[in-house]
Amino acid sequence: MPLVIEGFDLLYKGQSTILISNKGITKINSAKMVSFLDSIRAEGDIEESEFNCRAKAYGIESQSAKDFIGHSIGLKEAKDYYFEKTIIISQSESQVLRSAIDDELKQDVEWRTHSDDLSGFGPRSFFFISGLPYDYRRIKSTFFNLAECYPSSAICVGYLEKKEYVISSPHIPELGNPCHFCEIERTLNHEKGVPSKNDWSKLLTFCREYELEAPTLNLSLMEKAYISGAISRKINLHTHTFKTYRYQDSCLPQCRTDLTNGTYREEVIPHWYLCDCIGA
């Protein structure tokens, strides 16, 4: 069983060592305990058997080590992940972006394309559909096929909207929360009824009408870093055991990352009454 250890730091002062964590400041006089803590400081998650072996190697009784860490730092058993697998569906992701995402994700990821067979995954999977480039009809077809086949799974879509990278709310059909197309269909409907000065919504309307891919600008290395970071953060939030509590308000909003400065913000998206996810 993996153990999750809260973040901490050690400050060395003469013969004593100061332990700093969210629980406060603790003075440690035991050289064995200091060496043991230093060996696990970078771990974050550690298997209980490995924890016990290391404690024994440093001459510390494992239960005493757990009691001390639980009191001074924070220690808990990792729970089983709700989402059994992460699947990223992408048509033409750059190798730089893909490698960065693979490095950052805590859970193993499987890469697929829209034309691949998307059957046979577990009932609780996390699907991320990359909209680079954004093909409205292809993404919509894949999205609702997944929603029908995997009602207990989550489905996110990431896409560029001018100079922002947007990640939709993770739609879970059984939960019935708003989906990516609640936002997109609302935008298209408003553009049709009351044309705006928003170049992106005009482009999206044009591409949908003529069944074209919305073109993607050439991305700089910094912009790719912002995008890979946003994707990794969103997927890890739902597929990895964190050291802090997560609530509906922090899990379900739509996320936007400004590609000019990396600013990150969240917004709650309401249902669009004509969206296909209503009553699906």
Protein backbone atom coordinates (compact mmCIF):
# COMPACT_ATOMS: atom_id res chain seq x y z
CA MET A 1 0.00 0.00 0.00
CA PRO A 2 1.55 3.37 -1.01
CA LEU A 3 2.03 5.97 1.72
CA VAL A 4 1.57 9.66 0.90
CA ILE A 5 3.93 11.97 2.80
CA GLU A 6 3.24 15.70 2.95
CA GLY A 7 5.91 18.08 1.70
CA PHE A 8 8.59 19.14 4.18
CA ASP A 9 12.06 20.64 4.36
CA LEU A 10 15.07 20.26 6.62
CA LEU A 11 17.27 23.12 7.82
CA TYR A 12 20.60 22.21 9.36
CA LYS A 13 21.80 24.35 12.30
CA GLY A 14 24.83 23.19 14.23
CA GLN A 15 24.13 19.91 16.00
CA SER A 16 20.36 20.25 15.50
CA THR A 17 18.09 20.02 12.49
CA ILE A 18 14.89 21.99 12.01
CA LEU A 19 11.95 20.28 10.30
CA ILE A 20 9.54 22.62 8.53
CA SER A 21 6.15 21.44 7.28
CA ASN A 22 2.54 22.58 7.07
CA LYS A 23 2.07 21.26 10.60
CA GLY A 24 4.69 23.60 12.02
CA ILE A 25 8.37 23.65 13.02
CA THR A 26 10.02 20.76 14.86
CA LYS A 27 13.54 20.47 16.25
CA ILE A 28 15.17 17.07 15.63
CA ASN A 29 18.16 15.91 17.65
CA SER A 30 18.28 12.32 16.34
CA ALA A 31 20.88 11.94 13.57
CA LYS A 32 19.23 8.66 12.51
CA MET A 33 15.84 10.31 12.05
CA VAL A 34 17.39 13.20 10.11
CA SER A 35 19.16 10.77 7.74
CA PHE A 36 15.97 8.77 7.29
CA LEU A 37 13.87 11.86 6.54
CA ASP A 38 16.50 13.12 4.11
CA SER A 39 16.32 9.81 2.23
CA ILE A 40 12.54 10.05 1.70
CA ARG A 41 12.25 13.83 1.26
CA ALA A 42 11.99 13.67 -2.54
CA GLU A 43 9.70 10.64 -2.64
CA GLY A 44 6.23 12.07 -1.98
CA ASP A 45 4.66 8.62 -2.42
CA ILE A 46 6.45 5.56 -1.13
CA GLU A 47 5.42 1.94 -0.80
CA GLU A 48 4.91 0.86 2.81
CA SER A 49 7.34 -2.04 2.39
CA GLU A 50 10.01 0.36 1.09
CA PHE A 51 9.28 2.76 3.97
CA ASN A 52 9.75 -0.05 6.50
CA CYS A 53 12.99 -1.23 4.86
CA ARG A 54 14.49 2.26 4.89
CA ALA A 55 13.49 2.85 8.50
CA LYS A 56 15.15 -0.44 9.48
CA ALA A 57 18.27 0.48 7.47
CA TYR A 58 18.63 3.67 9.50
CA GLY A 59 18.02 1.88 12.80
CA ILE A 60 14.53 3.27 13.40
CA GLU A 61 11.44 1.28 14.37
CA SER A 62 9.00 1.69 11.46
CA GLN A 63 5.93 2.41 13.62
CA SER A 64 7.83 5.10 15.53
CA ALA A 65 8.82 6.68 12.21
CA LYS A 66 5.19 6.63 11.03
CA ASP A 67 3.98 8.15 14.29
CA PHE A 68 6.57 10.93 14.14
CA ILE A 69 5.92 11.75 10.47
CA GLY A 70 2.16 11.62 10.98
CA HIS A 71 2.38 14.07 13.89
CA SER A 72 5.06 16.44 12.53
CA ILE A 73 4.62 16.28 8.75
CA GLY A 74 1.49 14.42 7.66
CA LEU A 75 1.15 10.81 6.53
CA LYS A 76 -1.74 8.84 5.07
CA GLU A 77 -2.37 5.74 3.01
CA ALA A 78 -2.99 6.35 -0.68
CA LYS A 79 -6.46 5.40 -1.80
CA ASP A 80 -7.17 3.48 -4.97
CA TYR A 81 -7.58 5.73 -8.00
CA TYR A 82 -11.14 6.14 -9.26
CA PHE A 83 -9.95 6.48 -12.86
CA GLU A 84 -8.23 3.28 -13.91
CA LYS A 85 -6.53 4.60 -17.04
CA THR A 86 -5.75 7.83 -18.89
CA ILE A 87 -6.27 7.98 -22.65
CA ILE A 88 -5.24 11.01 -24.72
CA ILE A 89 -6.86 11.20 -28.15
CA SER A 90 -4.85 13.36 -30.50
CA GLN A 91 -4.55 13.70 -34.23
CA SER A 92 -1.27 15.54 -34.61
CA GLU A 93 0.34 16.37 -31.28
CA SER A 94 3.94 17.60 -31.58
CA GLN A 95 6.61 15.29 -30.22
CA VAL A 96 7.84 18.02 -27.85
CA LEU A 97 4.36 18.44 -26.37
CA ARG A 98 3.79 14.70 -26.13
CA SER A 99 7.12 14.01 -24.41
CA ALA A 100 6.54 16.81 -21.89
CA ILE A 101 3.08 15.47 -21.02
CA ASP A 102 4.37 11.89 -20.66
CA ASP A 103 7.07 13.12 -18.26
CA GLU A 104 4.64 15.09 -16.08
CA LEU A 105 1.76 12.62 -15.75
CA LYS A 106 1.70 10.52 -12.59
CA GLN A 107 -0.39 7.75 -14.19
CA ASP A 108 0.55 5.79 -17.31
CA VAL A 109 -1.09 7.24 -20.40
CA GLU A 110 -2.17 5.65 -23.66
CA TRP A 111 -2.15 7.77 -26.82
CA ARG A 112 -4.77 7.17 -29.52
CA THR A 113 -6.13 8.93 -32.62
CA HIS A 114 -9.75 9.57 -33.59
CA SER A 115 -9.58 6.80 -36.19
CA ASP A 116 -8.38 4.17 -33.70
CA ASP A 117 -10.64 1.62 -32.07
CA LEU A 118 -11.65 3.27 -28.79
CA SER A 119 -13.47 0.27 -27.34
CA GLY A 120 -12.22 -2.08 -24.65
CA PHE A 121 -11.13 0.44 -22.02
CA GLY A 122 -12.17 0.14 -18.39
CA PRO A 123 -15.52 1.59 -17.30
CA ARG A 124 -13.78 4.34 -15.30
CA SER A 125 -11.28 5.93 -17.68
CA PHE A 126 -10.14 9.52 -18.07
CA PHE A 127 -10.30 10.63 -21.71
CA PHE A 128 -8.57 13.80 -22.87
CA ILE A 129 -9.31 14.89 -26.44
CA SER A 130 -6.75 17.27 -27.90
CA GLY A 131 -8.22 19.90 -30.21
CA LEU A 132 -4.96 20.83 -31.91
CA PRO A 133 -6.11 21.41 -34.60
CA TYR A 134 -9.79 21.82 -33.73
CA ASP A 135 -12.07 19.72 -35.95
CA TYR A 136 -15.60 20.32 -34.68
CA ARG A 137 -17.33 17.35 -36.30
CA ARG A 138 -14.61 14.81 -35.58
CA ILE A 139 -14.25 15.88 -31.94
CA LYS A 140 -18.01 15.92 -31.41
CA SER A 141 -18.41 12.45 -32.90
CA THR A 142 -15.61 11.01 -30.73
CA PHE A 143 -16.85 12.85 -27.63
CA PHE A 144 -20.41 11.53 -27.68
CA ASN A 145 -19.37 8.03 -28.76
CA LEU A 146 -17.19 7.92 -25.65
CA ALA A 147 -20.01 9.34 -23.51
CA GLU A 148 -22.31 6.55 -24.72
CA CYS A 149 -19.77 3.75 -24.25
CA TYR A 150 -18.25 4.94 -20.96
CA PRO A 151 -20.92 6.69 -18.85
CA SER A 152 -18.80 6.45 -15.68
CA SER A 153 -15.72 7.96 -17.32
CA ALA A 154 -14.63 11.59 -17.61
CA ILE A 155 -14.13 13.34 -20.96
CA CYS A 156 -12.18 16.60 -21.36
CA VAL A 157 -11.36 18.60 -24.49
CA GLY A 158 -8.39 20.95 -24.80
CA TYR A 159 -8.24 23.58 -27.53
CA LEU A 160 -6.84 26.98 -28.46
CA GLU A 161 -9.04 30.06 -28.30
CA LYS A 162 -6.92 32.90 -29.65
CA LYS A 163 -4.05 33.23 -27.14
CA GLU A 164 -5.62 31.03 -24.45
CA TYR A 165 -5.50 27.28 -24.04
CA VAL A 166 -8.86 26.07 -22.77
CA ILE A 167 -9.55 22.74 -21.03
CA SER A 168 -13.22 21.92 -20.71
CA SER A 169 -14.94 20.68 -17.60
CA PRO A 170 -14.45 16.88 -17.26
CA HIS A 171 -17.86 15.65 -18.37
CA ILE A 172 -19.04 12.48 -16.61
CA PRO A 173 -22.29 11.31 -18.28
CA GLU A 174 -23.58 9.57 -15.14
CA LEU A 175 -22.97 12.75 -13.15
CA GLY A 176 -24.73 14.88 -15.77
CA ASN A 177 -22.50 17.95 -15.43
CA PRO A 178 -22.07 20.43 -18.33
CA CYS A 179 -19.78 19.31 -21.14
CA HIS A 180 -17.41 20.89 -23.62
CA PHE A 181 -20.17 21.33 -26.20
CA CYS A 182 -22.36 23.27 -23.78
CA GLU A 183 -19.77 26.03 -24.17
CA ILE A 184 -19.10 25.54 -27.89
CA GLU A 185 -22.74 25.27 -28.98
CA ARG A 186 -23.64 28.35 -26.92
CA THR A 187 -20.85 30.28 -28.64
CA LEU A 188 -21.97 29.14 -32.11
CA ASN A 189 -25.60 29.89 -31.38
CA HIS A 190 -24.84 33.42 -30.16
CA GLU A 191 -22.62 34.05 -33.18
CA LYS A 192 -25.45 32.99 -35.47
CA GLY A 193 -28.08 35.14 -33.74
CA VAL A 194 -26.00 38.18 -32.84
CA PRO A 195 -22.69 38.27 -34.78
CA SER A 196 -19.88 39.42 -32.52
CA LYS A 197 -16.46 40.95 -33.03
CA ASN A 198 -14.82 37.82 -31.66
CA ASP A 199 -12.52 36.54 -34.41
CA TRP A 200 -12.29 33.06 -32.86
CA SER A 201 -16.05 32.45 -32.74
CA LYS A 202 -16.35 33.69 -36.35
CA LEU A 203 -13.58 31.29 -37.39
CA LEU A 204 -15.23 28.40 -35.52
CA THR A 205 -18.58 29.14 -37.19
CA PHE A 206 -16.97 29.26 -40.62
CA CYS A 207 -15.01 26.02 -40.12
CA ARG A 208 -18.05 24.14 -38.83
CA GLU A 209 -20.19 25.28 -41.75
CA TYR A 210 -17.61 24.16 -44.34
CA GLU A 211 -16.40 21.11 -42.35
CA LEU A 212 -12.85 22.40 -42.00
CA GLU A 213 -10.26 22.12 -39.25
CA ALA A 214 -9.75 25.39 -37.38
CA PRO A 215 -6.09 26.19 -38.10
CA THR A 216 -3.59 26.23 -35.24
CA LEU A 217 -0.88 28.86 -35.05
CA ASN A 218 2.74 27.80 -34.84
CA LEU A 219 3.45 27.49 -31.15
CA SER A 220 6.65 28.69 -29.51
CA LEU A 221 8.53 26.46 -27.07
CA MET A 222 7.21 28.55 -24.17
CA GLU A 223 3.61 28.20 -25.37
CA LYS A 224 4.05 24.44 -25.70
CA ALA A 225 5.38 24.38 -22.13
CA TYR A 226 2.31 26.25 -20.88
CA ILE A 227 -0.01 23.87 -22.76
CA SER A 228 1.73 20.69 -21.58
CA GLY A 229 1.70 22.03 -18.03
CA ALA A 230 -2.04 22.83 -18.18
CA ILE A 231 -2.88 19.38 -19.58
CA SER A 232 -0.71 17.57 -17.03
CA ARG A 233 -2.11 19.57 -14.12
CA LYS A 234 -5.71 18.83 -15.15
CA ILE A 235 -5.16 15.11 -15.70
CA ASN A 236 -3.10 14.67 -12.51
CA LEU A 237 -5.79 16.44 -10.50
CA HIS A 238 -8.23 13.65 -11.36
CA THR A 239 -6.00 10.59 -11.68
CA HIS A 240 -3.44 10.92 -8.89
CA THR A 241 -3.66 10.81 -5.10
CA PHE A 242 -2.89 14.31 -3.86
CA LYS A 243 -1.85 15.36 -0.40
CA THR A 244 -4.71 17.86 -0.12
CA TYR A 245 -8.47 17.47 -0.33
CA ARG A 246 -10.25 18.03 -3.63
CA TYR A 247 -13.77 19.36 -3.91
CA GLN A 248 -16.33 19.61 -6.70
CA ASP A 249 -15.59 23.33 -7.09
CA SER A 250 -11.92 22.63 -7.82
CA CYS A 251 -12.47 19.60 -10.09
CA LEU A 252 -15.34 20.53 -12.41
CA PRO A 253 -14.66 24.08 -13.69
CA GLN A 254 -13.37 24.86 -17.16
CA CYS A 255 -9.73 26.02 -17.10
CA ARG A 256 -8.01 28.70 -19.18
CA THR A 257 -4.26 29.30 -19.49
CA ASP A 258 -3.03 32.55 -21.01
CA LEU A 259 -0.19 31.61 -23.37
CA THR A 260 1.42 35.06 -23.16
CA ASN A 261 2.17 34.93 -19.44
CA GLY A 262 0.99 31.55 -18.10
CA THR A 263 -1.87 33.02 -16.05
CA TYR A 264 -4.33 30.31 -15.04
CA ARG A 265 -8.01 30.84 -14.24
CA GLU A 266 -11.14 28.75 -13.81
CA GLU A 267 -14.76 29.36 -14.75
CA VAL A 268 -18.00 27.51 -14.15
CA ILE A 269 -19.83 26.63 -17.37
CA PRO A 270 -23.63 26.20 -17.22
CA HIS A 271 -25.59 23.72 -19.30
CA TRP A 272 -26.63 24.73 -22.81
CA TYR A 273 -30.28 23.70 -23.07
CA LEU A 274 -29.88 22.38 -26.66
CA CYS A 275 -26.68 20.40 -26.02
CA ASP A 276 -26.68 16.68 -26.79
CA CYS A 277 -25.43 15.90 -23.27
CA ILE A 278 -28.80 16.90 -21.80
CA GLY A 279 -30.63 13.68 -21.08
CA ALA A 280 -27.93 11.61 -22.79
